[in-house]
Protein backbone atom coordinates (compact mmCIF):
# COMPACT_ATOMS: atom_id res chain seq x y z
CA MET A 1 53.61 9.91 32.36
CA SER A 2 49.89 9.67 32.76
CA GLU A 3 47.47 6.95 31.87
CA THR A 4 43.97 7.69 30.67
CA THR A 5 40.93 5.69 29.77
CA ARG A 6 38.49 6.97 27.19
CA ARG A 7 35.23 5.57 25.88
CA ASP A 8 35.10 5.15 22.12
CA ASP A 9 31.30 5.31 22.03
CA ASP A 10 31.13 8.74 23.68
CA ILE A 11 28.99 11.21 21.74
CA GLY A 12 29.43 13.98 24.31
CA GLY A 13 31.15 16.28 21.83
CA TYR A 14 28.17 16.19 19.48
CA VAL A 15 25.75 16.71 22.35
CA SER A 16 27.80 19.68 23.57
CA ALA A 17 27.91 21.15 20.07
CA ALA A 18 24.12 20.85 19.77
CA THR A 19 23.77 22.49 23.18
CA ALA A 20 26.06 25.34 22.07
CA LEU A 21 23.91 25.86 18.97
CA ILE A 22 20.79 26.07 21.12
CA GLY A 23 22.58 28.65 23.29
CA GLY A 24 23.27 30.60 20.10
CA TRP A 25 19.59 30.34 19.19
CA ILE A 26 18.64 31.80 22.58
CA VAL A 27 20.81 34.85 21.84
CA VAL A 28 19.46 35.21 18.29
CA GLY A 29 15.91 34.66 19.54
CA ALA A 30 16.28 37.65 21.85
CA PHE A 31 16.75 39.85 18.79
CA VAL A 32 14.17 38.08 16.64
CA PHE A 33 11.35 38.08 19.20
CA ALA A 34 12.38 41.20 21.22
CA PRO A 35 10.85 39.91 24.46
CA ILE A 36 9.15 42.29 26.82
CA PRO A 37 10.20 43.21 29.53
CA ALA A 38 13.74 44.31 28.73
CA ALA A 39 15.08 42.22 31.63
CA ASN A 40 14.06 39.09 29.74
CA PHE A 41 15.85 40.35 26.62
CA TRP A 42 19.10 40.81 28.50
CA ASN A 43 18.61 37.54 30.33
CA ASP A 44 18.36 35.76 26.97
CA VAL A 45 21.49 37.49 25.66
CA VAL A 46 23.65 36.86 28.73
CA VAL A 47 22.48 33.35 29.61
CA GLY A 48 22.33 32.25 25.96
CA ALA A 49 25.90 33.48 25.41
CA ALA A 50 27.08 31.70 28.56
CA ILE A 51 25.42 28.46 27.44
CA GLY A 52 26.97 28.77 23.97
CA ILE A 53 30.46 29.51 25.26
CA ILE A 54 30.56 26.86 27.99
CA ALA A 55 28.96 24.14 25.85
CA GLY A 56 31.25 25.09 22.97
CA TYR A 57 34.23 24.68 25.29
CA ASN A 58 32.99 21.21 26.22
CA ALA A 59 32.52 20.35 22.55
CA LEU A 60 36.15 21.24 21.89
CA GLN A 61 37.32 19.32 24.97
CA ALA A 62 35.52 16.15 23.90
CA ASP A 63 38.56 15.04 21.88
CA ASP A 64 40.83 15.48 24.90
CA PRO A 65 41.53 12.22 26.74
CA GLU A 66 39.86 13.65 29.86
CA GLY A 67 36.74 14.46 27.85
CA ILE A 68 33.80 16.60 28.89
CA ASN A 69 34.14 18.79 31.99
CA THR A 70 31.48 17.56 34.42
CA GLY A 71 31.28 20.86 36.30
CA ALA A 72 30.83 22.87 33.11
CA ALA A 73 28.15 20.50 31.83
CA SER A 74 26.35 20.73 35.19
CA LEU A 75 26.47 24.54 35.07
CA VAL A 76 25.00 24.53 31.57
CA ALA A 77 22.22 22.21 32.77
CA LEU A 78 21.42 24.65 35.58
CA LEU A 79 21.42 27.56 33.12
CA GLY A 80 18.99 25.56 30.97
CA LEU A 81 16.68 25.12 33.95
CA TRP A 82 16.94 28.86 34.60
CA MET A 83 15.85 29.50 31.00
CA VAL A 84 12.74 27.38 31.64
CA VAL A 85 11.83 29.36 34.78
CA ALA A 86 12.86 32.87 33.65
CA PRO A 87 9.89 33.63 31.35
CA PHE A 88 7.53 32.93 34.25
CA LEU A 89 9.49 35.16 36.64
CA PHE A 90 9.88 38.00 34.14
CA GLU A 91 6.24 37.65 33.04
CA THR A 92 7.14 37.57 29.35
CA THR A 93 4.24 38.88 27.27
CA GLY A 94 5.05 37.51 23.80
CA ALA A 95 3.98 33.91 23.25
CA ALA A 96 6.75 33.19 20.72
CA SER A 97 9.46 34.52 23.02
CA PHE A 98 7.96 32.73 26.02
CA TRP A 99 7.83 29.32 24.36
CA SER A 100 11.19 29.75 22.64
CA ASP A 101 12.82 30.27 26.04
CA VAL A 102 10.96 27.41 27.72
CA ILE A 103 11.61 24.86 24.97
CA SER A 104 15.22 25.93 24.41
CA GLY A 105 15.90 25.85 28.15
CA ALA A 106 14.38 22.39 28.48
CA LEU A 107 16.49 21.07 25.59
CA VAL A 108 19.63 22.60 27.08
CA ALA A 109 18.88 21.13 30.51
CA VAL A 110 18.30 17.64 29.10
CA LEU A 111 21.32 17.61 26.78
CA ALA A 112 23.73 19.15 29.30
CA GLY A 113 22.37 16.91 32.05
CA TYR A 114 23.08 13.92 29.85
CA ASN A 115 26.65 15.13 29.29
CA ALA A 116 27.17 15.73 33.01
CA TYR A 117 25.86 12.26 33.79
CA ARG A 118 28.02 10.56 31.16
CA SER A 119 31.19 12.49 31.98
CA ARG A 120 31.17 11.68 35.69
CA GLY A 121 32.27 8.10 34.98
CA VAL A 122 35.25 9.02 32.79
CA GLU A 123 38.53 8.22 34.43
CA ARG A 124 40.79 11.25 34.73
CA ARG A 125 44.54 11.41 34.38
CA THR A 126 46.36 9.88 37.30
CA PRO A 127 50.08 9.91 37.91
CA THR A 128 51.74 6.53 37.56
CA ALA A 129 54.17 5.10 40.07
CA ASP A 130 57.01 4.88 37.55
CA ALA A 131 58.95 8.07 37.08
CA GLU A 132 59.80 8.98 33.51
CA THR A 133 63.53 9.38 32.91
CA ARG A 134 65.33 10.81 29.92
């Protein structure tokens, strides 16, 4: 049998869900704004999908006694930072696409960073000394 400790005030699931929605917006924004060059378009599609999937996974795991996955939240935060830097590296020409990526990336980095910070203190399952018998 395992013992777990969980915080009742944890809003990590809602933060992860909001982060997943922003990841979805990054994917949709690639089609709405059609950023130039094409490398930025595909960057938005791939990185936005990764953010949406990983943050969505964390949102679903928030109800689990172990809670948010710290590594996954950290990866999403790094992907958010990449979204802030990418428009500068790809030299995105459209102002709407440029600022959509920068603002969305900053929001993802802050929200996922918050989740990574909060989840590091959650106690994980540990085996107990007493063996369970049936």
